[in-house]
Amino acid sequence: MPSWGSSKRSKRSRTARDVADLIERFLEGRSLYPQEWNDFVDASQRNKTVEGYRRRCNELDPLVNRPGDPDAEAVAELRSMIGRLRDLEKTGTA
């Protein structure tokens, strides 16, 4: 299993599938470690397409990563992103 660490300076090399899986785990409350989501949204990605998704996740973070219920529209957008990222992985475009 890859170790992503918590260094915000080092660029990650995640695939679209990695990010789809990470978002899904976050939404289902089964992250691999307590700060997995935060490490992802805080660290830029080498792949420009994946980086665009990471940036959007970072924008949505205050709406979904907070006490109480997450914003329903933000959650719906993240769920939609999972499908788009998996489609990208299937076509090999990210």
C-alpha atoms as a PDB file:
ATOM      1  CA  MET A   1       0.000   0.000   0.000  1.00  0.00           C
ATOM      2  CA  PRO A   2       1.462   3.413  -0.929  1.00  0.00           C
ATOM      3  CA  SER A   3       2.371   5.804   1.815  1.00  0.00           C
ATOM      4  CA  TRP A   4       1.338   9.312   0.896  1.00  0.00           C
ATOM      5  CA  GLY A   5       2.793  10.943   3.999  1.00  0.00           C
ATOM      6  CA  SER A   6       1.808  14.383   5.119  1.00  0.00           C
ATOM      7  CA  SER A   7       4.361  16.649   3.473  1.00  0.00           C
ATOM      8  CA  LYS A   8       2.446  19.392   1.745  1.00  0.00           C
ATOM      9  CA  ARG A   9       5.465  20.383  -0.332  1.00  0.00           C
ATOM     10  CA  SER A  10       6.094  17.154  -2.175  1.00  0.00           C
ATOM     11  CA  LYS A  11       3.993  16.543  -5.257  1.00  0.00           C
ATOM     12  CA  ARG A  12       1.952  13.389  -5.386  1.00  0.00           C
ATOM     13  CA  SER A  13       1.578  11.056  -8.303  1.00  0.00           C
ATOM     14  CA  ARG A  14      -1.944   9.773  -7.824  1.00  0.00           C
ATOM     15  CA  THR A  15      -4.062   8.376 -10.602  1.00  0.00           C
ATOM     16  CA  ALA A  16      -7.681   9.238 -11.310  1.00  0.00           C
ATOM     17  CA  ARG A  17      -8.627   5.893  -9.754  1.00  0.00           C
ATOM     18  CA  ASP A  18      -6.610   6.670  -6.613  1.00  0.00           C
ATOM     19  CA  VAL A  19      -8.486   9.943  -6.197  1.00  0.00           C
ATOM     20  CA  ALA A  20     -11.893   8.381  -6.910  1.00  0.00           C
ATOM     21  CA  ASP A  21     -11.192   5.737  -4.284  1.00  0.00           C
ATOM     22  CA  LEU A  22      -9.981   8.355  -1.786  1.00  0.00           C
ATOM     23  CA  ILE A  23     -13.081  10.537  -2.241  1.00  0.00           C
ATOM     24  CA  GLU A  24     -15.317   7.490  -1.860  1.00  0.00           C
ATOM     25  CA  ARG A  25     -13.535   6.414   1.335  1.00  0.00           C
ATOM     26  CA  PHE A  26     -13.821   9.945   2.723  1.00  0.00           C
ATOM     27  CA  LEU A  27     -17.551  10.138   2.027  1.00  0.00           C
ATOM     28  CA  GLU A  28     -18.119   6.702   3.551  1.00  0.00           C
ATOM     29  CA  GLY A  29     -16.058   7.508   6.661  1.00  0.00           C
ATOM     30  CA  ARG A  30     -13.469   4.834   6.017  1.00  0.00           C
ATOM     31  CA  SER A  31     -10.282   6.768   5.252  1.00  0.00           C
ATOM     32  CA  LEU A  32      -7.046   4.785   5.419  1.00  0.00           C
ATOM     33  CA  TYR A  33      -5.774   7.083   8.198  1.00  0.00           C
ATOM     34  CA  PRO A  34      -7.281  10.085  10.029  1.00  0.00           C
ATOM     35  CA  GLN A  35      -5.681  12.818   7.902  1.00  0.00           C
ATOM     36  CA  GLU A  36      -5.909  11.125   4.489  1.00  0.00           C
ATOM     37  CA  TRP A  37      -8.467  13.610   3.113  1.00  0.00           C
ATOM     38  CA  ASN A  38      -6.611  16.643   4.478  1.00  0.00           C
ATOM     39  CA  ASP A  39      -3.299  15.410   3.082  1.00  0.00           C
ATOM     40  CA  PHE A  40      -4.919  15.017  -0.326  1.00  0.00           C
ATOM     41  CA  VAL A  41      -6.650  18.395  -0.518  1.00  0.00           C
ATOM     42  CA  ASP A  42      -3.521  20.173   0.761  1.00  0.00           C
ATOM     43  CA  ALA A  43      -0.971  18.613  -1.631  1.00  0.00           C
ATOM     44  CA  SER A  44      -0.798  19.499  -5.318  1.00  0.00           C
ATOM     45  CA  GLN A  45      -0.704  16.706  -7.874  1.00  0.00           C
ATOM     46  CA  ARG A  46       1.649  16.243 -10.835  1.00  0.00           C
ATOM     47  CA  ASN A  47      -1.111  15.169 -13.206  1.00  0.00           C
ATOM     48  CA  LYS A  48      -2.903  18.350 -14.314  1.00  0.00           C
ATOM     49  CA  THR A  49      -6.280  16.665 -14.694  1.00  0.00           C
ATOM     50  CA  VAL A  50      -6.070  15.094 -11.246  1.00  0.00           C
ATOM     51  CA  GLU A  51      -4.839  18.428  -9.868  1.00  0.00           C
ATOM     52  CA  GLY A  52      -8.007  20.099 -11.160  1.00  0.00           C
ATOM     53  CA  TYR A  53     -10.111  17.626  -9.211  1.00  0.00           C
ATOM     54  CA  ARG A  54      -7.938  18.088  -6.120  1.00  0.00           C
ATOM     55  CA  ARG A  55      -8.422  21.851  -6.305  1.00  0.00           C
ATOM     56  CA  ARG A  56     -12.192  21.436  -6.505  1.00  0.00           C
ATOM     57  CA  CYS A  57     -12.102  19.059  -3.542  1.00  0.00           C
ATOM     58  CA  ASN A  58     -10.131  21.684  -1.650  1.00  0.00           C
ATOM     59  CA  GLU A  59     -12.832  24.265  -2.442  1.00  0.00           C
ATOM     60  CA  LEU A  60     -15.549  21.865  -1.262  1.00  0.00           C
ATOM     61  CA  ASP A  61     -13.623  20.849   1.860  1.00  0.00           C
ATOM     62  CA  PRO A  62     -15.178  23.429   4.228  1.00  0.00           C
ATOM     63  CA  LEU A  63     -18.632  22.199   3.180  1.00  0.00           C
ATOM     64  CA  VAL A  64     -17.980  18.497   3.708  1.00  0.00           C
ATOM     65  CA  ASN A  65     -15.218  18.297   6.292  1.00  0.00           C
ATOM     66  CA  ARG A  66     -16.913  19.996   9.209  1.00  0.00           C
ATOM     67  CA  PRO A  67     -18.852  19.167  12.356  1.00  0.00           C
ATOM     68  CA  GLY A  68     -22.462  18.254  11.757  1.00  0.00           C
ATOM     69  CA  ASP A  69     -24.017  17.296   8.480  1.00  0.00           C
ATOM     70  CA  PRO A  70     -22.058  17.974   5.295  1.00  0.00           C
ATOM     71  CA  ASP A  71     -23.584  20.156   2.604  1.00  0.00           C
ATOM     72  CA  ALA A  72     -25.770  17.896   0.441  1.00  0.00           C
ATOM     73  CA  GLU A  73     -24.902  19.641  -2.838  1.00  0.00           C
ATOM     74  CA  ALA A  74     -21.170  19.406  -2.118  1.00  0.00           C
ATOM     75  CA  VAL A  75     -21.520  15.695  -1.331  1.00  0.00           C
ATOM     76  CA  ALA A  76     -23.464  15.176  -4.561  1.00  0.00           C
ATOM     77  CA  GLU A  77     -20.714  16.933  -6.505  1.00  0.00           C
ATOM     78  CA  LEU A  78     -18.055  14.734  -4.893  1.00  0.00           C
ATOM     79  CA  ARG A  79     -20.060  11.617  -5.749  1.00  0.00           C
ATOM     80  CA  SER A  80     -20.319  12.827  -9.342  1.00  0.00           C
ATOM     81  CA  MET A  81     -16.555  13.374  -9.387  1.00  0.00           C
ATOM     82  CA  ILE A  82     -16.009   9.748  -8.395  1.00  0.00           C
ATOM     83  CA  GLY A  83     -17.821   8.600 -11.540  1.00  0.00           C
ATOM     84  CA  ARG A  84     -15.997  11.056 -13.789  1.00  0.00           C
ATOM     85  CA  LEU A  85     -12.611  10.080 -12.351  1.00  0.00           C
ATOM     86  CA  ARG A  86     -13.344   6.378 -12.856  1.00  0.00           C
ATOM     87  CA  ASP A  87     -14.400   7.087 -16.436  1.00  0.00           C
ATOM     88  CA  LEU A  88     -11.112   8.943 -17.003  1.00  0.00           C
ATOM     89  CA  GLU A  89      -9.197   5.964 -15.649  1.00  0.00           C
ATOM     90  CA  LYS A  90     -11.061   3.590 -17.988  1.00  0.00           C
ATOM     91  CA  THR A  91     -10.271   5.708 -21.036  1.00  0.00           C
ATOM     92  CA  GLY A  92      -6.684   6.289 -19.936  1.00  0.00           C
ATOM     93  CA  THR A  93      -6.979  10.058 -20.236  1.00  0.00           C
ATOM     94  CA  ALA A  94      -5.813  10.868 -16.710  1.00  0.00           C
END
